[in-house]
């Protein structure tokens, strides 16, 4: 009887635990970007959204758990909201101005960019390009107060074919040369590509090695055939794809993307269990809340620096100290030798040469009368 009762209690408990787990809501945890250029110091930007796509804020640092290559993190982890320690973001926006965008499609794109400028914070920069044979610059690397919106309003329809794959590669290579840590690309397009020199597969291969998230706003003008490509590009780079069913909603869509970028969580790491080996490793970030949970993954490059920065600084300091010590020792040894020989600061008042204290006369004046005589120093009063 006792065994049956025990079994029933355990069975009821297991059903209760299972029901509690089943009631947990799924969180969409996405690692948008990883900066590992100073590895083993590493920074991850993580966005968290609920089932409705709403951004989840206010999560405590203790709710975040990290694993590298399926192993528990061995090292330090610090989590804080991006808004707590704001850092400059380098934004790049690509808009479509090919023939079929004439009228409202282009006008609402311009409106979206101008509204985006209003959201920008101090220190953030924006570069705006149109999609053509390559990314055609409207302006580059300007802060909010430096941007002339008349340049945006002056964008006209281009007869050039939209080579979106070439344009994306063009801006990604420009961003790669910049030292800014947080770099973001936003594309507003119908996804159509015409005769790019690089194929979609070639573009994917390049983007897969970069750590620059590409966010995209899909708009349907003639057909939706190219929108899936935009979605795939955003997924590949850990960005976000937003579909604007109406042209009027493009400005709202760009605000959604802006919120995702600025309302993320920043996780800084000091990794100890994975050595820098110039190989790709998998970072997994999981969030466990009382009634919801979720996890996201992204690869990063464990950059192996030729010589660590701290070691370079240490070696320079050691070299300077050694040189100073050698110079001081050389002077002390020379003084010691002169003292051992009986040579002090005594000088001949006639020729000015150093003399031993034991000399009654100057040998230079007696035996070398033609030597060029030095001007004796004036005695201090």
Protein backbone atom coordinates (compact mmCIF):
# COMPACT_ATOMS: atom_id res chain seq x y z
CA UNK A 1 0.00 0.00 0.00
CA UNK A 2 2.82 2.35 0.90
CA UNK A 3 4.54 1.66 -2.44
CA UNK A 4 1.35 2.46 -4.36
CA UNK A 5 0.90 5.67 -2.39
CA UNK A 6 4.52 6.70 -2.97
CA UNK A 7 4.16 5.99 -6.69
CA UNK A 8 0.98 8.09 -6.91
CA UNK A 9 2.66 11.01 -5.11
CA UNK A 10 5.69 10.91 -7.43
CA UNK A 11 3.43 10.60 -10.46
CA UNK A 12 1.35 13.60 -9.38
CA UNK A 13 4.50 15.62 -8.69
CA UNK A 14 5.95 14.83 -12.11
CA UNK A 15 2.69 15.87 -13.79
CA UNK A 16 2.77 19.13 -11.80
CA UNK A 17 6.39 19.87 -12.80
CA UNK A 18 5.67 19.04 -16.43
CA UNK A 19 2.62 21.31 -16.47
CA UNK A 20 4.67 24.12 -14.98
CA UNK A 21 7.33 23.68 -17.66
CA UNK A 22 4.71 23.52 -20.39
CA UNK A 23 3.23 26.82 -19.21
CA UNK A 24 6.57 28.62 -19.66
CA UNK A 25 6.55 31.11 -22.49
CA UNK A 26 9.18 31.02 -25.21
CA UNK A 27 11.57 33.96 -25.39
CA UNK A 28 13.27 34.94 -28.64
CA UNK A 29 16.90 35.42 -27.60
CA UNK A 30 19.15 36.63 -30.41
CA UNK A 31 22.87 37.43 -30.27
CA UNK A 32 22.95 40.37 -32.67
CA UNK A 33 26.68 40.93 -32.68
CA UNK A 34 29.91 39.69 -31.09
CA UNK A 35 33.05 41.79 -30.84
CA UNK A 36 36.08 39.56 -30.21
CA UNK A 37 38.89 41.69 -31.65
CA UNK A 38 40.48 41.91 -28.17
CA UNK A 39 39.93 38.24 -27.26
CA UNK A 40 39.82 36.74 -24.59
CA UNK A 41 37.98 39.98 -23.74
CA UNK A 42 34.74 39.76 -25.70
CA UNK A 43 31.43 41.65 -25.96
CA UNK A 44 28.07 40.28 -27.11
CA UNK A 45 24.96 42.34 -27.91
CA UNK A 46 21.84 40.32 -27.15
CA UNK A 47 18.22 41.22 -27.90
CA UNK A 48 15.30 39.52 -26.10
CA UNK A 49 11.71 39.53 -27.36
CA UNK A 50 8.56 37.71 -26.26
CA UNK A 51 6.08 35.67 -28.32
CA UNK A 52 4.39 38.84 -29.52
CA UNK A 53 7.65 40.31 -30.80
CA UNK A 54 7.75 42.88 -28.00
CA UNK A 55 11.17 43.77 -26.62
CA UNK A 56 11.76 42.44 -23.10
CA UNK A 57 13.61 44.90 -20.85
CA UNK A 58 14.52 44.96 -17.17
CA UNK A 59 15.94 41.42 -16.99
CA UNK A 60 18.32 40.84 -14.10
CA UNK A 61 21.95 39.88 -14.94
CA UNK A 62 21.60 36.61 -13.04
CA UNK A 63 19.01 35.35 -15.53
CA UNK A 64 21.62 35.15 -18.32
CA UNK A 65 23.67 31.96 -18.69
CA UNK A 66 26.44 31.53 -21.26
CA UNK A 67 28.12 28.50 -22.79
CA UNK A 68 30.95 28.22 -25.30
CA UNK A 69 31.12 25.13 -27.50
CA UNK A 70 28.45 23.52 -25.28
CA UNK A 71 30.59 23.93 -22.16
CA UNK A 72 29.90 26.15 -19.16
CA UNK A 73 31.67 29.49 -19.34
CA UNK A 74 34.88 29.60 -17.34
CA UNK A 75 35.62 33.27 -16.78
CA UNK A 76 33.91 36.54 -15.97
CA UNK A 77 30.53 37.67 -17.29
CA UNK A 78 28.94 41.08 -16.83
CA UNK A 79 25.44 41.93 -18.12
CA UNK A 80 23.88 45.39 -18.41
CA UNK A 81 21.32 47.14 -20.65
CA UNK A 82 22.76 48.95 -23.66
CA UNK A 83 21.01 52.14 -22.52
CA UNK A 84 22.91 52.09 -19.21
CA UNK A 85 26.33 52.60 -20.83
CA UNK A 86 25.56 54.00 -24.24
CA UNK A 87 28.32 53.79 -26.80
CA UNK A 88 28.45 55.27 -30.30
CA UNK A 89 26.73 53.20 -32.99
CA UNK A 90 27.86 53.45 -36.60
CA UNK A 91 24.69 53.15 -38.71
CA UNK A 92 24.60 52.50 -42.43
CA UNK A 93 21.28 52.72 -44.30
CA UNK A 94 20.73 51.47 -47.85
CA UNK A 95 17.59 52.59 -49.68
CA UNK A 96 16.16 51.65 -53.08
CA UNK A 97 15.70 54.35 -55.72
CA UNK A 98 15.42 52.28 -58.90
CA UNK A 99 12.68 52.93 -61.46
CA UNK A 100 9.81 51.05 -59.80
CA UNK A 101 10.30 53.03 -56.56
CA UNK A 102 9.06 56.25 -58.15
CA UNK A 103 6.45 58.13 -56.13
CA UNK A 104 5.30 56.87 -52.72
CA UNK A 105 7.81 53.97 -52.37
CA UNK A 106 10.77 56.38 -52.50
CA UNK A 107 9.00 59.17 -50.60
CA UNK A 108 8.23 56.95 -47.61
CA UNK A 109 11.82 55.68 -47.58
CA UNK A 110 13.05 59.29 -47.38
CA UNK A 111 10.59 59.99 -44.56
CA UNK A 112 11.83 56.92 -42.69
CA UNK A 113 15.47 58.05 -42.92
CA UNK A 114 14.62 61.59 -41.72
CA UNK A 115 12.68 60.13 -38.76
CA UNK A 116 15.60 57.84 -37.99
CA UNK A 117 17.88 60.88 -37.75
CA UNK A 118 15.55 62.30 -35.07
CA UNK A 119 16.12 59.15 -32.97
CA UNK A 120 19.93 59.38 -33.17
CA UNK A 121 21.91 60.11 -30.01
CA UNK A 122 25.06 62.14 -29.44
CA UNK A 123 28.17 60.49 -30.88
CA UNK A 124 26.27 58.18 -33.25
CA UNK A 125 27.07 58.41 -36.96
CA UNK A 126 25.03 57.69 -40.07
CA UNK A 127 26.01 56.89 -43.64
CA UNK A 128 23.28 56.84 -46.30
CA UNK A 129 23.60 55.03 -49.63
CA UNK A 130 21.34 54.22 -52.55
CA UNK A 131 21.39 50.80 -54.19
CA UNK A 132 22.91 50.92 -57.68
CA UNK A 133 25.82 49.22 -59.44
CA UNK A 134 27.32 49.51 -55.98
CA UNK A 135 26.43 51.49 -52.86
CA UNK A 136 26.15 55.11 -54.04
CA UNK A 137 26.87 57.53 -51.15
CA UNK A 138 24.43 60.32 -50.33
CA UNK A 139 26.55 61.25 -47.27
CA UNK A 140 28.96 59.33 -45.04
CA UNK A 141 29.96 59.27 -41.36
CA UNK A 142 27.91 62.25 -40.20
CA UNK A 143 26.55 62.92 -36.73
CA UNK A 144 22.99 64.08 -36.19
CA UNK A 145 23.77 67.80 -36.11
CA UNK A 146 25.90 67.56 -39.27
CA UNK A 147 23.26 65.97 -41.52
CA UNK A 148 21.57 68.18 -44.11
CA UNK A 149 18.14 66.63 -44.74
CA UNK A 150 17.93 68.44 -48.09
CA UNK A 151 20.41 65.83 -49.36
CA UNK A 152 17.84 63.13 -48.54
CA UNK A 153 14.95 64.99 -50.13
CA UNK A 154 17.08 65.53 -53.24
CA UNK A 155 17.43 61.77 -53.94
CA UNK A 156 15.92 61.02 -57.32
CA UNK A 157 14.95 57.90 -59.24
CA UNK A 158 17.92 56.17 -60.87
CA UNK A 159 17.84 54.22 -64.09
CA UNK A 160 20.74 52.07 -62.87
CA UNK A 161 19.94 48.42 -62.16
CA UNK A 162 19.63 47.57 -58.45
CA UNK A 163 22.61 45.36 -57.68
CA UNK A 164 21.73 44.79 -54.06
CA UNK A 165 24.27 42.01 -53.40
CA UNK A 166 27.15 44.13 -54.72
CA UNK A 167 25.91 47.14 -52.73
CA UNK A 168 25.76 45.17 -49.48
CA UNK A 169 29.30 43.84 -49.96
CA UNK A 170 30.47 47.36 -50.76
CA UNK A 171 29.20 48.85 -47.46
CA UNK A 172 30.27 45.83 -45.38
CA UNK A 173 33.86 46.24 -46.61
CA UNK A 174 33.76 49.93 -45.75
CA UNK A 175 32.47 49.16 -42.26
CA UNK A 176 35.12 46.51 -41.76
CA UNK A 177 37.82 49.18 -42.07
CA UNK A 178 36.28 51.29 -39.29
CA UNK A 179 37.40 51.03 -35.69
CA UNK A 180 33.90 51.53 -34.22
CA UNK A 181 32.87 48.49 -32.17
CA UNK A 182 29.09 48.64 -32.79
CA UNK A 183 28.32 48.66 -36.52
CA UNK A 184 24.87 48.17 -38.03
CA UNK A 185 23.47 48.00 -41.56
CA UNK A 186 19.78 48.71 -42.34
CA UNK A 187 18.35 47.96 -45.79
CA UNK A 188 15.01 49.21 -47.14
CA UNK A 189 14.22 47.35 -50.35
CA UNK A 190 11.97 44.97 -52.22
CA UNK A 191 14.94 42.58 -52.35
CA UNK A 192 15.24 42.61 -56.16
CA UNK A 193 18.74 42.08 -57.49
CA UNK A 194 19.65 42.58 -61.13
CA UNK A 195 22.94 41.29 -62.51
CA UNK A 196 25.15 41.62 -59.43
CA UNK A 197 28.72 40.52 -60.01
CA UNK A 198 28.50 38.50 -56.78
CA UNK A 199 25.94 35.75 -56.38
CA UNK A 200 23.78 35.25 -53.30
CA UNK A 201 25.95 32.28 -52.26
CA UNK A 202 29.12 34.37 -52.56
CA UNK A 203 27.52 37.14 -50.51
CA UNK A 204 26.47 34.65 -47.82
CA UNK A 205 30.00 33.24 -47.65
CA UNK A 206 31.45 36.70 -46.99
CA UNK A 207 28.76 37.76 -44.50
CA UNK A 208 29.14 34.50 -42.58
CA UNK A 209 32.72 35.52 -41.67
CA UNK A 210 31.78 39.03 -40.55
CA UNK A 211 30.16 40.17 -37.33
CA UNK A 212 28.04 42.98 -38.74
CA UNK A 213 24.27 42.50 -38.30
CA UNK A 214 22.10 43.47 -41.26
CA UNK A 215 18.56 44.57 -40.46
CA UNK A 216 16.13 44.81 -43.35
CA UNK A 217 12.73 46.30 -44.08
CA UNK A 218 10.96 44.45 -46.87
CA UNK A 219 8.53 46.38 -49.05
CA UNK A 220 6.38 44.90 -51.79
CA UNK A 221 6.12 47.04 -54.93
CA UNK A 222 5.66 44.70 -57.91
CA UNK A 223 6.22 41.26 -56.36
CA UNK A 224 7.48 39.64 -53.19
CA UNK A 225 9.98 37.36 -54.95
CA UNK A 226 13.06 39.11 -53.54
CA UNK A 227 11.85 39.50 -49.96
CA UNK A 228 12.92 36.03 -48.92
CA UNK A 229 16.52 36.94 -49.83
CA UNK A 230 16.37 39.91 -47.46
CA UNK A 231 14.99 37.68 -44.72
CA UNK A 232 17.77 35.14 -45.25
CA UNK A 233 20.48 37.83 -45.18
CA UNK A 234 19.14 39.20 -41.88
CA UNK A 235 18.91 35.71 -40.37
CA UNK A 236 22.45 34.85 -41.48
CA UNK A 237 23.93 37.97 -39.91
CA UNK A 238 21.79 37.84 -36.73
CA UNK A 239 19.89 40.96 -37.74
CA UNK A 240 16.10 41.28 -37.92
CA UNK A 241 13.77 41.29 -40.91
CA UNK A 242 10.63 43.45 -40.74
CA UNK A 243 7.99 43.31 -43.45
CA UNK A 244 6.08 46.53 -44.14
CA UNK A 245 2.77 45.44 -45.61
CA UNK A 246 1.94 49.08 -46.33
CA UNK A 247 4.30 51.76 -47.65
CA UNK A 248 3.02 54.12 -44.95
CA UNK A 249 4.40 51.79 -42.26
CA UNK A 250 8.05 52.04 -43.43
CA UNK A 251 8.87 54.86 -40.91
CA UNK A 252 7.33 52.78 -38.10
CA UNK A 253 9.33 49.73 -39.18
CA UNK A 254 12.61 51.62 -38.97
CA UNK A 255 11.71 52.66 -35.41
CA UNK A 256 11.10 48.99 -34.55
CA UNK A 257 14.61 48.19 -35.77
CA UNK A 258 16.08 51.15 -33.89
CA UNK A 259 14.43 49.92 -30.66
CA UNK A 260 15.79 46.40 -31.14
CA UNK A 261 19.32 47.80 -31.53
CA UNK A 262 19.22 50.24 -28.60
CA UNK A 263 17.20 48.15 -26.14
CA UNK A 264 19.49 45.15 -26.21
CA UNK A 265 21.65 43.73 -23.43
CA UNK A 266 25.43 44.01 -23.45
CA UNK A 267 27.37 41.03 -22.10
CA UNK A 268 31.09 41.44 -21.55
CA UNK A 269 33.28 38.36 -21.10
CA UNK A 270 36.74 37.46 -19.89
CA UNK A 271 37.03 33.94 -21.34
CA UNK A 272 39.45 31.48 -19.72
CA UNK A 273 38.48 28.03 -20.98
CA UNK A 274 38.84 28.70 -24.73
CA UNK A 275 42.30 29.72 -25.91
CA UNK A 276 42.79 32.22 -28.74
CA UNK A 277 43.37 29.98 -31.77
CA UNK A 278 41.99 31.98 -34.74
CA UNK A 279 39.17 29.45 -35.05
CA UNK A 280 35.39 29.90 -34.87
CA UNK A 281 33.58 28.87 -31.70
CA UNK A 282 29.90 28.80 -30.75
CA UNK A 283 28.57 31.14 -28.06
CA UNK A 284 25.19 30.26 -26.56
CA UNK A 285 23.28 32.70 -24.38
CA UNK A 286 20.23 31.43 -22.49
CA UNK A 287 17.71 33.41 -20.45
CA UNK A 288 15.82 31.60 -17.68
CA UNK A 289 13.01 33.59 -16.13
CA UNK A 290 10.34 32.28 -13.76
CA UNK A 291 7.63 31.96 -16.43
CA UNK A 292 9.64 32.16 -19.66
CA UNK A 293 12.92 31.06 -21.18
CA UNK A 294 14.84 31.02 -24.43
CA UNK A 295 18.31 30.85 -25.92
CA UNK A 296 20.28 32.12 -28.90
CA UNK A 297 23.52 31.11 -30.60
CA UNK A 298 26.17 32.76 -32.73
CA UNK A 299 29.73 31.91 -33.77
CA UNK A 300 32.70 34.12 -33.00
CA UNK A 301 36.37 34.15 -33.93
CA UNK A 302 38.77 33.57 -31.04
CA UNK A 303 41.25 36.13 -32.35
CA UNK A 304 44.87 35.26 -31.67
CA UNK A 305 46.87 38.45 -31.40
CA UNK A 306 50.56 38.20 -32.49
CA UNK A 307 51.61 39.82 -29.21
CA UNK A 308 49.02 40.77 -26.57
CA UNK A 309 48.70 44.52 -25.97
CA UNK A 310 49.49 44.21 -22.27
CA UNK A 311 52.66 42.27 -23.09
CA UNK A 312 53.78 44.92 -25.59
CA UNK A 313 53.36 47.67 -22.98
CA UNK A 314 55.16 45.58 -20.35
CA UNK A 315 58.11 44.87 -22.67
CA UNK A 316 58.44 48.58 -23.56
CA UNK A 317 58.46 49.56 -19.88
CA UNK A 318 61.05 46.86 -19.06
CA UNK A 319 63.28 47.99 -21.96
CA UNK A 320 63.17 51.64 -20.82
CA UNK A 321 63.98 50.66 -17.22
CA UNK A 322 66.91 48.48 -18.35
CA UNK A 323 68.37 51.30 -20.48
CA UNK A 324 68.09 53.79 -17.61
CA UNK A 325 69.73 51.32 -15.18
CA UNK A 326 72.60 50.63 -17.64
CA UNK A 327 73.27 54.37 -18.10
CA UNK A 328 73.28 54.96 -14.32
CA UNK A 329 75.59 51.96 -13.73
CA UNK A 330 77.96 53.17 -16.46
CA UNK A 331 78.20 56.61 -14.81
CA UNK A 332 78.69 55.11 -11.35
CA UNK A 333 81.42 52.72 -12.59
CA UNK A 334 83.23 55.58 -14.33
CA UNK A 335 83.09 57.70 -11.18
CA UNK A 336 84.34 54.75 -9.12
CA UNK A 337 87.30 54.19 -11.47
CA UNK A 338 88.27 57.85 -11.33
CA UNK A 339 88.03 57.82 -7.55
CA UNK A 340 90.19 54.68 -7.38
CA UNK A 341 92.82 56.45 -9.50
CA UNK A 342 92.68 59.44 -7.17
CA UNK A 343 90.99 61.65 -9.73
CA UNK A 344 88.36 63.89 -8.24
CA UNK A 345 86.93 67.22 -9.34
CA UNK A 346 90.30 69.00 -8.97
CA UNK A 347 91.42 70.80 -12.13
CA UNK A 348 94.54 72.66 -13.15
CA UNK A 349 93.88 76.41 -12.84
CA UNK A 350 96.04 77.02 -15.96
CA UNK A 351 95.03 74.37 -18.57
CA UNK A 352 91.77 73.24 -16.96
CA UNK A 353 92.56 69.46 -17.15
CA UNK A 354 91.65 67.09 -14.32
CA UNK A 355 94.42 66.35 -11.80
CA UNK A 356 94.99 63.79 -9.10
CA UNK A 357 94.85 65.05 -5.56
CA UNK A 358 98.41 63.74 -4.99
CA UNK A 359 99.97 65.80 -7.83
CA UNK A 360 102.01 68.82 -6.78
CA UNK A 361 102.14 70.18 -10.30
CA UNK A 362 100.19 69.74 -13.56
CA UNK A 363 101.92 67.24 -15.92
CA UNK A 364 99.95 68.61 -18.87
CA UNK A 365 101.38 72.11 -18.46
CA UNK A 366 104.94 70.80 -17.80
CA UNK A 367 105.28 68.04 -20.42
CA UNK A 368 102.70 69.11 -22.99
CA UNK A 369 103.10 72.87 -23.07
CA UNK A 370 101.57 73.09 -26.56
CA UNK A 371 98.31 71.43 -25.55
CA UNK A 372 95.23 73.53 -26.16
CA UNK A 373 94.45 75.05 -22.83
CA UNK A 374 90.89 74.92 -21.54
CA UNK A 375 89.34 77.93 -19.96
CA UNK A 376 89.25 77.24 -16.25
CA UNK A 377 85.84 77.50 -14.66
CA UNK A 378 85.28 80.53 -12.50
CA UNK A 379 85.26 79.69 -8.87
CA UNK A 380 81.97 80.24 -7.12
CA UNK A 381 82.07 83.06 -4.64
